[in-house]
Amino acid sequence: MATGIAHRLYASGFRRIVMSEIAMPVSVRRKVAFSEAVYEKGMTVEGLRAELFTEPSGLLALWDREVVAVVIDKEGSILRELKPHVLVDAVMAKKRKEPITGMARLVIGVGPGFRAPDEVDAVVESNRGHNLGRVYYDGEAEAYTGTPGEMAGRTKERVLRSPRAGLVRTVKSIGDAVLKDDIILYVDDTPVKAQIDGVLRGLIRPIMVPEGEKVGDVDPRGNRDYCFTISEKARAIGGGVLEAIMHKLS
C-alpha cells in the first residue's frame, strides 16, 4: 500500500519522497514493493525507481536523479532531521496507535488505528468496498475485518499463511500459474499448498517467519500482469492521500 501511495504522489508532482522501513521487511507482493530496496539496494515499480540510502546527506543526489529514497528507520528518527511537510503512516497496523499529530505540518493515517482530528489530521479508508480511499477529517476508518478482500468470489482461501514458525524455502515464483494443492513453498519441512487455482501474485522472501504469517497470495483472476502492477486498492488509497494533501495544504 505504501508503494502505491508513493507512486501516485510522485506521478502527481511530489518528488521529494522518503520511505522508512524496518531492517527485514516482510513483503508478499514483492514485485510491486519499494521495500525490496532494503535487500536489493534498489527497486523499480512501474517505471519509478526507489533506492536505499544511509545518510541524509545523500538525499538530494537521489532526488536529483528522480528516485524515491528508502531508509531503514523503524523508529522514524529521521523525522527530526527532515522536518517533512507531510507524514503518511501506512504501516497498516490494524489496531489503535499512539497519536502522531504535530510530527509534520500534515499527518495522514491509513486504515484503522487512527482517529481524526485528535490523533492525525486525516484518515484514509483502506477497507475494500464502497468507502475505499475515502478521506475522514473527523472520524476513523472501518475496523479491521480479518478477511482478505474478495477476488473472483475468493477471500481467505487465496491467502497462504505459515503453518508454523520457521525458515521459508520457495518452490514457485511470482507470476507462476498454480493449481489447487500445488506446493508453493516450505516452512522448514512443512509444505504450504495452494488452496485454489490461479496465478501466484505474491510470495515472501526466504526468511524466518512466525506461525500464521502471510507468505503468499494466489490471484484467482488468472491475469499474470496483475503480479507486476500496483493494485486498484493501493491506487485508491494513494488517491485518498493525495486528496488529503491537496485539501489541507493547497
C-alpha atoms as a PDB file:
ATOM      1  CA  MET A   1       0.000   0.000   0.000  1.00  0.00           C
ATOM      2  CA  ALA A   2       2.839   2.393   0.835  1.00  0.00           C
ATOM      3  CA  THR A   3       4.378   1.841  -2.594  1.00  0.00           C
ATOM      4  CA  GLY A   4       1.058   2.633  -4.269  1.00  0.00           C
ATOM      5  CA  ILE A   5       0.839   5.853  -2.245  1.00  0.00           C
ATOM      6  CA  ALA A   6       4.398   6.904  -3.092  1.00  0.00           C
ATOM      7  CA  HIS A   7       3.900   6.089  -6.773  1.00  0.00           C
ATOM      8  CA  ARG A   8       0.705   8.149  -7.010  1.00  0.00           C
ATOM      9  CA  LEU A   9       2.229  11.109  -5.152  1.00  0.00           C
ATOM     10  CA  TYR A  10       5.320  11.064  -7.365  1.00  0.00           C
ATOM     11  CA  ALA A  11       3.197  10.966 -10.515  1.00  0.00           C
ATOM     12  CA  SER A  12       1.281  13.964  -9.150  1.00  0.00           C
ATOM     13  CA  GLY A  13       4.401  16.097  -8.788  1.00  0.00           C
ATOM     14  CA  PHE A  14       5.577  15.313  -5.246  1.00  0.00           C
ATOM     15  CA  ARG A  15       9.188  14.417  -5.991  1.00  0.00           C
ATOM     16  CA  ARG A  16      10.912  14.584  -2.596  1.00  0.00           C
ATOM     17  CA  ILE A  17       9.713  11.361  -1.027  1.00  0.00           C
ATOM     18  CA  VAL A  18      11.364   9.372   1.757  1.00  0.00           C
ATOM     19  CA  MET A  19      10.046   5.963   2.815  1.00  0.00           C
ATOM     20  CA  SER A  20      11.162   4.475   6.142  1.00  0.00           C
ATOM     21  CA  GLU A  21      11.423   0.710   6.546  1.00  0.00           C
ATOM     22  CA  ILE A  22      12.348  -1.924   9.104  1.00  0.00           C
ATOM     23  CA  ALA A  23      15.609  -3.880   8.765  1.00  0.00           C
ATOM     24  CA  MET A  24      13.873  -7.009   7.415  1.00  0.00           C
ATOM     25  CA  PRO A  25      10.620  -6.081   5.658  1.00  0.00           C
ATOM     26  CA  VAL A  26       8.073  -8.864   5.245  1.00  0.00           C
ATOM     27  CA  SER A  27       6.567  -8.170   1.830  1.00  0.00           C
ATOM     28  CA  VAL A  28       4.442 -10.659  -0.090  1.00  0.00           C
ATOM     29  CA  ARG A  29       3.730  -8.621  -3.247  1.00  0.00           C
ATOM     30  CA  ARG A  30       7.459  -8.108  -3.705  1.00  0.00           C
ATOM     31  CA  LYS A  31       7.360  -7.190  -7.396  1.00  0.00           C
ATOM     32  CA  VAL A  32       5.438  -4.014  -6.556  1.00  0.00           C
ATOM     33  CA  ALA A  33       7.041  -3.126  -3.209  1.00  0.00           C
ATOM     34  CA  PHE A  34       9.719  -0.472  -2.744  1.00  0.00           C
ATOM     35  CA  SER A  35      10.612  -2.275   0.495  1.00  0.00           C
ATOM     36  CA  GLU A  36      12.634  -4.652  -1.697  1.00  0.00           C
ATOM     37  CA  ALA A  37      15.226  -1.865  -1.923  1.00  0.00           C
ATOM     38  CA  VAL A  38      16.273  -2.859   1.612  1.00  0.00           C
ATOM     39  CA  TYR A  39      17.500  -6.206   0.255  1.00  0.00           C
ATOM     40  CA  GLU A  40      18.441  -5.266  -3.308  1.00  0.00           C
ATOM     41  CA  LYS A  41      19.596  -1.642  -2.716  1.00  0.00           C
ATOM     42  CA  GLY A  42      17.100  -0.567  -5.374  1.00  0.00           C
ATOM     43  CA  MET A  43      13.667  -1.465  -6.747  1.00  0.00           C
ATOM     44  CA  THR A  44      11.712  -0.272  -9.786  1.00  0.00           C
ATOM     45  CA  VAL A  45       7.910  -0.398  -9.848  1.00  0.00           C
ATOM     46  CA  GLU A  46       6.039   0.668 -12.968  1.00  0.00           C
ATOM     47  CA  GLY A  47       8.943   2.785 -14.155  1.00  0.00           C
ATOM     48  CA  LEU A  48       9.649   4.541 -10.854  1.00  0.00           C
ATOM     49  CA  ARG A  49      12.927   3.752  -9.096  1.00  0.00           C
ATOM     50  CA  ALA A  50      13.471   3.608  -5.334  1.00  0.00           C
ATOM     51  CA  GLU A  51      16.911   3.275  -3.748  1.00  0.00           C
ATOM     52  CA  LEU A  52      18.230   2.675  -0.264  1.00  0.00           C
ATOM     53  CA  PHE A  53      20.256   5.391   1.467  1.00  0.00           C
ATOM     54  CA  THR A  54      22.023   5.556   4.812  1.00  0.00           C
ATOM     55  CA  GLU A  55      22.870   9.229   5.310  1.00  0.00           C
ATOM     56  CA  PRO A  56      20.510  12.226   4.872  1.00  0.00           C
ATOM     57  CA  SER A  57      23.353  13.974   3.039  1.00  0.00           C
ATOM     58  CA  GLY A  58      22.707  11.612   0.132  1.00  0.00           C
ATOM     59  CA  LEU A  59      19.062  12.552  -0.253  1.00  0.00           C
ATOM     60  CA  LEU A  60      19.464  15.465  -2.663  1.00  0.00           C
ATOM     61  CA  ALA A  61      21.532  13.342  -5.037  1.00  0.00           C
ATOM     62  CA  LEU A  62      18.802  10.696  -5.120  1.00  0.00           C
ATOM     63  CA  TRP A  63      16.074  13.256  -5.683  1.00  0.00           C
ATOM     64  CA  ASP A  64      18.102  14.901  -8.446  1.00  0.00           C
ATOM     65  CA  ARG A  65      18.137  11.524 -10.199  1.00  0.00           C
ATOM     66  CA  GLU A  66      14.328  11.314  -9.832  1.00  0.00           C
ATOM     67  CA  VAL A  67      14.498   8.461  -7.345  1.00  0.00           C
ATOM     68  CA  VAL A  68      12.346   7.707  -4.283  1.00  0.00           C
ATOM     69  CA  ALA A  69      14.504   7.407  -1.159  1.00  0.00           C
ATOM     70  CA  VAL A  70      14.219   4.407   1.193  1.00  0.00           C
ATOM     71  CA  VAL A  71      15.828   4.357   4.636  1.00  0.00           C
ATOM     72  CA  ILE A  72      15.970   1.699   7.370  1.00  0.00           C
ATOM     73  CA  ASP A  73      14.492   3.606  10.282  1.00  0.00           C
ATOM     74  CA  LYS A  74      11.956   1.690  12.349  1.00  0.00           C
ATOM     75  CA  GLU A  75      11.598   4.435  14.965  1.00  0.00           C
ATOM     76  CA  GLY A  76      11.202   7.306  12.488  1.00  0.00           C
ATOM     77  CA  SER A  77      14.154   9.187  13.924  1.00  0.00           C
ATOM     78  CA  ILE A  78      14.876  10.769  10.547  1.00  0.00           C
ATOM     79  CA  LEU A  79      11.763  12.922  11.002  1.00  0.00           C
ATOM     80  CA  ARG A  80      13.716  15.167  13.366  1.00  0.00           C
ATOM     81  CA  GLU A  81      16.281  15.868  10.660  1.00  0.00           C
ATOM     82  CA  LEU A  82      13.970  16.192   7.671  1.00  0.00           C
ATOM     83  CA  LYS A  83      11.076  18.092   9.273  1.00  0.00           C
ATOM     84  CA  PRO A  84       8.713  16.992   6.474  1.00  0.00           C
ATOM     85  CA  HIS A  85       5.653  18.895   5.306  1.00  0.00           C
ATOM     86  CA  VAL A  86       3.642  15.652   5.154  1.00  0.00           C
ATOM     87  CA  LEU A  87       3.895  12.424   7.139  1.00  0.00           C
ATOM     88  CA  VAL A  88       1.915   9.382   5.976  1.00  0.00           C
ATOM     89  CA  ASP A  89       1.676   6.436   8.371  1.00  0.00           C
ATOM     90  CA  ALA A  90       0.961   3.476   6.085  1.00  0.00           C
ATOM     91  CA  VAL A  91       2.126   0.720   8.424  1.00  0.00           C
ATOM     92  CA  MET A  92      -1.396  -0.798   8.291  1.00  0.00           C
ATOM     93  CA  ALA A  93      -1.114  -1.912  11.916  1.00  0.00           C
ATOM     94  CA  LYS A  94      -4.876  -2.616  12.084  1.00  0.00           C
ATOM     95  CA  LYS A  95      -5.066  -1.566  15.737  1.00  0.00           C
ATOM     96  CA  ARG A  96      -5.061   1.637  17.804  1.00  0.00           C
ATOM     97  CA  LYS A  97      -1.801   3.583  17.675  1.00  0.00           C
ATOM     98  CA  GLU A  98      -0.331   6.467  19.604  1.00  0.00           C
ATOM     99  CA  PRO A  99      -1.347   9.969  18.386  1.00  0.00           C
ATOM    100  CA  ILE A 100       1.154  11.353  15.881  1.00  0.00           C
ATOM    101  CA  THR A 101      -0.273  14.802  15.236  1.00  0.00           C
ATOM    102  CA  GLY A 102       2.337  17.547  15.176  1.00  0.00           C
ATOM    103  CA  MET A 103       5.113  15.388  13.685  1.00  0.00           C
ATOM    104  CA  ALA A 104       4.662  17.252  10.373  1.00  0.00           C
ATOM    105  CA  ARG A 105       2.520  20.078   9.039  1.00  0.00           C
ATOM    106  CA  LEU A 106       0.084  17.409   7.857  1.00  0.00           C
ATOM    107  CA  VAL A 107      -0.167  13.896   9.310  1.00  0.00           C
ATOM    108  CA  ILE A 108      -2.213  11.245   7.491  1.00  0.00           C
ATOM    109  CA  GLY A 109      -3.054   7.801   8.832  1.00  0.00           C
ATOM    110  CA  VAL A 110      -4.004   4.912   6.552  1.00  0.00           C
ATOM    111  CA  GLY A 111      -6.554   2.367   7.728  1.00  0.00           C
ATOM    112  CA  PRO A 112      -7.815   1.510  11.221  1.00  0.00           C
ATOM    113  CA  GLY A 113      -5.936   2.634  14.305  1.00  0.00           C
ATOM    114  CA  PHE A 114      -6.262   6.399  13.829  1.00  0.00           C
ATOM    115  CA  ARG A 115      -8.913   8.987  14.625  1.00  0.00           C
ATOM    116  CA  ALA A 116      -9.035  12.444  13.057  1.00  0.00           C
ATOM    117  CA  PRO A 117      -8.527  15.148  14.083  1.00  0.00           C
ATOM    118  CA  ASP A 118      -7.223  14.228  17.578  1.00  0.00           C
ATOM    119  CA  GLU A 119      -4.613  11.583  16.571  1.00  0.00           C
ATOM    120  CA  VAL A 120      -3.944  12.510  12.938  1.00  0.00           C
ATOM    121  CA  ASP A 121      -5.121  15.281  10.634  1.00  0.00           C
ATOM    122  CA  ALA A 122      -6.808  12.901   8.191  1.00  0.00           C
ATOM    123  CA  VAL A 123      -7.547   9.177   7.864  1.00  0.00           C
ATOM    124  CA  VAL A 124      -7.768   7.283   4.570  1.00  0.00           C
ATOM    125  CA  GLU A 125     -10.066   4.260   4.350  1.00  0.00           C
ATOM    126  CA  SER A 126      -8.208   1.037   3.477  1.00  0.00           C
ATOM    127  CA  ASN A 127     -11.036  -1.490   3.588  1.00  0.00           C
ATOM    128  CA  ARG A 128     -12.260  -2.740   0.215  1.00  0.00           C
ATOM    129  CA  GLY A 129     -15.784  -1.702  -0.655  1.00  0.00           C
ATOM    130  CA  HIS A 130     -17.810   1.434  -1.160  1.00  0.00           C
ATOM    131  CA  ASN A 131     -15.604   3.669   1.033  1.00  0.00           C
ATOM    132  CA  LEU A 132     -12.164   2.521  -0.150  1.00  0.00           C
ATOM    133  CA  GLY A 133      -9.936   5.592  -0.488  1.00  0.00           C
ATOM    134  CA  ARG A 134     -12.396   7.905   1.294  1.00  0.00           C
ATOM    135  CA  VAL A 135     -10.801  10.604   3.478  1.00  0.00           C
ATOM    136  CA  TYR A 136     -12.078  11.236   7.003  1.00  0.00           C
ATOM    137  CA  TYR A 137     -11.246  14.575   8.598  1.00  0.00           C
ATOM    138  CA  ASP A 138     -13.465  13.828  11.584  1.00  0.00           C
ATOM    139  CA  GLY A 139     -13.685  10.143  12.410  1.00  0.00           C
ATOM    140  CA  GLU A 140     -11.878   6.907  11.660  1.00  0.00           C
ATOM    141  CA  ALA A 141     -11.627   4.097   9.113  1.00  0.00           C
ATOM    142  CA  GLU A 142     -13.648   0.895   9.318  1.00  0.00           C
ATOM    143  CA  ALA A 143     -12.413  -1.706  11.810  1.00  0.00           C
ATOM    144  CA  TYR A 144     -10.113  -4.476  10.627  1.00  0.00           C
ATOM    145  CA  THR A 145     -12.246  -7.422   9.485  1.00  0.00           C
ATOM    146  CA  GLY A 146      -9.583 -10.122   9.349  1.00  0.00           C
ATOM    147  CA  THR A 147     -10.966 -11.276   5.991  1.00  0.00           C
ATOM    148  CA  PRO A 148      -8.936 -10.670   2.807  1.00  0.00           C
ATOM    149  CA  GLY A 149     -10.662  -8.720   0.056  1.00  0.00           C
ATOM    150  CA  GLU A 150     -12.826 -10.703  -2.341  1.00  0.00           C
ATOM    151  CA  MET A 151     -11.410 -11.573  -5.766  1.00  0.00           C
ATOM    152  CA  ALA A 152     -13.472 -13.611  -8.222  1.00  0.00           C
ATOM    153  CA  GLY A 153     -15.543 -14.856  -5.291  1.00  0.00           C
ATOM    154  CA  ARG A 154     -12.498 -15.923  -3.245  1.00  0.00           C
ATOM    155  CA  THR A 155     -11.356 -14.433   0.068  1.00  0.00           C
ATOM    156  CA  LYS A 156      -9.448 -16.341   2.767  1.00  0.00           C
ATOM    157  CA  GLU A 157      -8.543 -19.254   0.524  1.00  0.00           C
ATOM    158  CA  ARG A 158      -6.442 -17.070  -1.774  1.00  0.00           C
ATOM    159  CA  VAL A 159      -4.028 -16.122   1.041  1.00  0.00           C
ATOM    160  CA  LEU A 160      -1.279 -18.530   2.091  1.00  0.00           C
ATOM    161  CA  ARG A 161      -0.123 -18.471   5.720  1.00  0.00           C
ATOM    162  CA  SER A 162       2.727 -20.100   7.545  1.00  0.00           C
ATOM    163  CA  PRO A 163       1.561 -23.268   9.361  1.00  0.00           C
ATOM    164  CA  ARG A 164       4.430 -22.930  11.856  1.00  0.00           C
ATOM    165  CA  ALA A 165       7.394 -20.759  12.736  1.00  0.00           C
ATOM    166  CA  GLY A 166      10.433 -21.484  10.614  1.00  0.00           C
ATOM    167  CA  LEU A 167      12.526 -20.721   7.548  1.00  0.00           C
ATOM    168  CA  VAL A 168      10.761 -20.204   4.223  1.00  0.00           C
ATOM    169  CA  ARG A 169      12.009 -22.141   1.198  1.00  0.00           C
ATOM    170  CA  THR A 170      10.193 -21.246  -2.002  1.00  0.00           C
ATOM    171  CA  VAL A 171       9.285 -23.669  -4.778  1.00  0.00           C
ATOM    172  CA  LYS A 172       7.255 -21.462  -7.106  1.00  0.00           C
ATOM    173  CA  SER A 173       7.916 -17.920  -8.346  1.00  0.00           C
ATOM    174  CA  ILE A 174       5.738 -14.823  -8.548  1.00  0.00           C
ATOM    175  CA  GLY A 175       3.827 -14.913 -11.826  1.00  0.00           C
ATOM    176  CA  ASP A 176       3.602 -18.708 -11.993  1.00  0.00           C
ATOM    177  CA  ALA A 177       0.283 -20.341 -12.824  1.00  0.00           C
ATOM    178  CA  VAL A 178      -0.660 -22.700  -9.985  1.00  0.00           C
ATOM    179  CA  LEU A 179      -3.314 -25.330  -9.359  1.00  0.00           C
ATOM    180  CA  LYS A 180      -5.059 -26.260  -6.140  1.00  0.00           C
ATOM    181  CA  ASP A 181      -2.768 -28.446  -3.973  1.00  0.00           C
ATOM    182  CA  ASP A 182       0.421 -27.381  -5.766  1.00  0.00           C
ATOM    183  CA  ILE A 183       3.267 -26.895  -3.254  1.00  0.00           C
ATOM    184  CA  ILE A 184       4.183 -23.208  -3.282  1.00  0.00           C
ATOM    185  CA  LEU A 185       6.809 -23.179  -0.529  1.00  0.00           C
ATOM    186  CA  TYR A 186       8.028 -24.932   2.581  1.00  0.00           C
ATOM    187  CA  VAL A 187       8.349 -23.571   6.095  1.00  0.00           C
ATOM    188  CA  ASP A 188      11.207 -25.714   7.364  1.00  0.00           C
ATOM    189  CA  ASP A 189       9.994 -29.110   6.116  1.00  0.00           C
ATOM    190  CA  THR A 190       6.253 -28.344   6.157  1.00  0.00           C
ATOM    191  CA  PRO A 191       4.727 -27.733   2.700  1.00  0.00           C
ATOM    192  CA  VAL A 192       2.351 -24.851   2.031  1.00  0.00           C
ATOM    193  CA  LYS A 193      -0.052 -25.648  -0.797  1.00  0.00           C
ATOM    194  CA  ALA A 194      -2.277 -23.509  -2.994  1.00  0.00           C
ATOM    195  CA  GLN A 195      -5.907 -23.748  -1.942  1.00  0.00           C
ATOM    196  CA  ILE A 196      -7.250 -22.556  -5.297  1.00  0.00           C
ATOM    197  CA  ASP A 197      -6.243 -22.342  -8.956  1.00  0.00           C
ATOM    198  CA  GLY A 198      -4.792 -19.047 -10.121  1.00  0.00           C
ATOM    199  CA  VAL A 199      -1.620 -17.029 -10.565  1.00  0.00           C
ATOM    200  CA  LEU A 200       0.903 -16.587  -7.778  1.00  0.00           C
ATOM    201  CA  ARG A 201       0.628 -12.824  -7.277  1.00  0.00           C
ATOM    202  CA  GLY A 202       2.735 -12.643  -4.135  1.00  0.00           C
ATOM    203  CA  LEU A 203       5.408 -14.728  -2.451  1.00  0.00           C
ATOM    204  CA  ILE A 204       7.527 -13.933   0.577  1.00  0.00           C
ATOM    205  CA  ARG A 205      11.333 -13.976   0.541  1.00  0.00           C
ATOM    206  CA  PRO A 206      13.205 -16.972   2.029  1.00  0.00           C
ATOM    207  CA  ILE A 207      13.301 -15.581   5.574  1.00  0.00           C
ATOM    208  CA  MET A 208      12.312 -16.668   9.060  1.00  0.00           C
ATOM    209  CA  VAL A 209       8.591 -16.252   9.756  1.00  0.00           C
ATOM    210  CA  PRO A 210       6.312 -16.783  12.763  1.00  0.00           C
ATOM    211  CA  GLU A 211       3.299 -19.085  12.693  1.00  0.00           C
ATOM    212  CA  GLY A 212       0.341 -17.528  10.888  1.00  0.00           C
ATOM    213  CA  GLU A 213       2.432 -15.077   8.830  1.00  0.00           C
ATOM    214  CA  LYS A 214       1.102 -14.254   5.371  1.00  0.00           C
ATOM    215  CA  VAL A 215       3.562 -15.907   2.968  1.00  0.00           C
ATOM    216  CA  GLY A 216       1.769 -15.974  -0.383  1.00  0.00           C
ATOM    217  CA  ASP A 217      -1.132 -14.678  -2.452  1.00  0.00           C
ATOM    218  CA  VAL A 218      -2.876 -16.609  -5.225  1.00  0.00           C
ATOM    219  CA  ASP A 219      -4.957 -14.462  -7.573  1.00  0.00           C
ATOM    220  CA  PRO A 220      -7.926 -16.460  -8.928  1.00  0.00           C
ATOM    221  CA  ARG A 221      -8.438 -13.981 -11.785  1.00  0.00           C
ATOM    222  CA  GLY A 222      -5.513 -15.605 -13.578  1.00  0.00           C
ATOM    223  CA  ASN A 223      -4.032 -12.437 -15.109  1.00  0.00           C
ATOM    224  CA  ARG A 224      -0.238 -12.585 -14.834  1.00  0.00           C
ATOM    225  CA  ASP A 225       0.124  -8.841 -15.495  1.00  0.00           C
ATOM    226  CA  TYR A 226      -1.526  -8.121 -12.141  1.00  0.00           C
ATOM    227  CA  CYS A 227       1.517  -9.608 -10.387  1.00  0.00           C
ATOM    228  CA  PHE A 228       3.743  -6.796 -11.635  1.00  0.00           C
ATOM    229  CA  THR A 229       1.460  -3.762 -11.385  1.00  0.00           C
ATOM    230  CA  ILE A 230       0.095  -1.745  -8.468  1.00  0.00           C
ATOM    231  CA  SER A 231      -3.330  -2.936  -7.326  1.00  0.00           C
ATOM    232  CA  GLU A 232      -6.541  -0.955  -7.607  1.00  0.00           C
ATOM    233  CA  LYS A 233      -6.692  -0.914  -3.802  1.00  0.00           C
ATOM    234  CA  ALA A 234      -3.257   0.689  -3.441  1.00  0.00           C
ATOM    235  CA  ARG A 235      -4.072   3.225  -6.161  1.00  0.00           C
ATOM    236  CA  ALA A 236      -7.346   4.164  -4.457  1.00  0.00           C
ATOM    237  CA  ILE A 237      -5.600   4.649  -1.124  1.00  0.00           C
ATOM    238  CA  GLY A 238      -2.913   6.697  -2.883  1.00  0.00           C
ATOM    239  CA  GLY A 239      -5.667   8.857  -4.341  1.00  0.00           C
ATOM    240  CA  GLY A 240      -7.097   9.416  -0.869  1.00  0.00           C
ATOM    241  CA  VAL A 241      -3.713  10.506   0.458  1.00  0.00           C
ATOM    242  CA  LEU A 242      -3.299  12.865  -2.493  1.00  0.00           C
ATOM    243  CA  GLU A 243      -6.767  14.330  -1.836  1.00  0.00           C
ATOM    244  CA  ALA A 244      -5.954  14.946   1.822  1.00  0.00           C
ATOM    245  CA  ILE A 245      -2.714  16.722   0.918  1.00  0.00           C
ATOM    246  CA  MET A 246      -4.374  18.955  -1.656  1.00  0.00           C
ATOM    247  CA  HIS A 247      -7.307  19.683   0.661  1.00  0.00           C
ATOM    248  CA  LYS A 248      -5.175  20.593   3.663  1.00  0.00           C
ATOM    249  CA  LEU A 249      -2.124  22.237   2.133  1.00  0.00           C
ATOM    250  CA  SER A 250      -3.307  23.849  -1.097  1.00  0.00           C
END
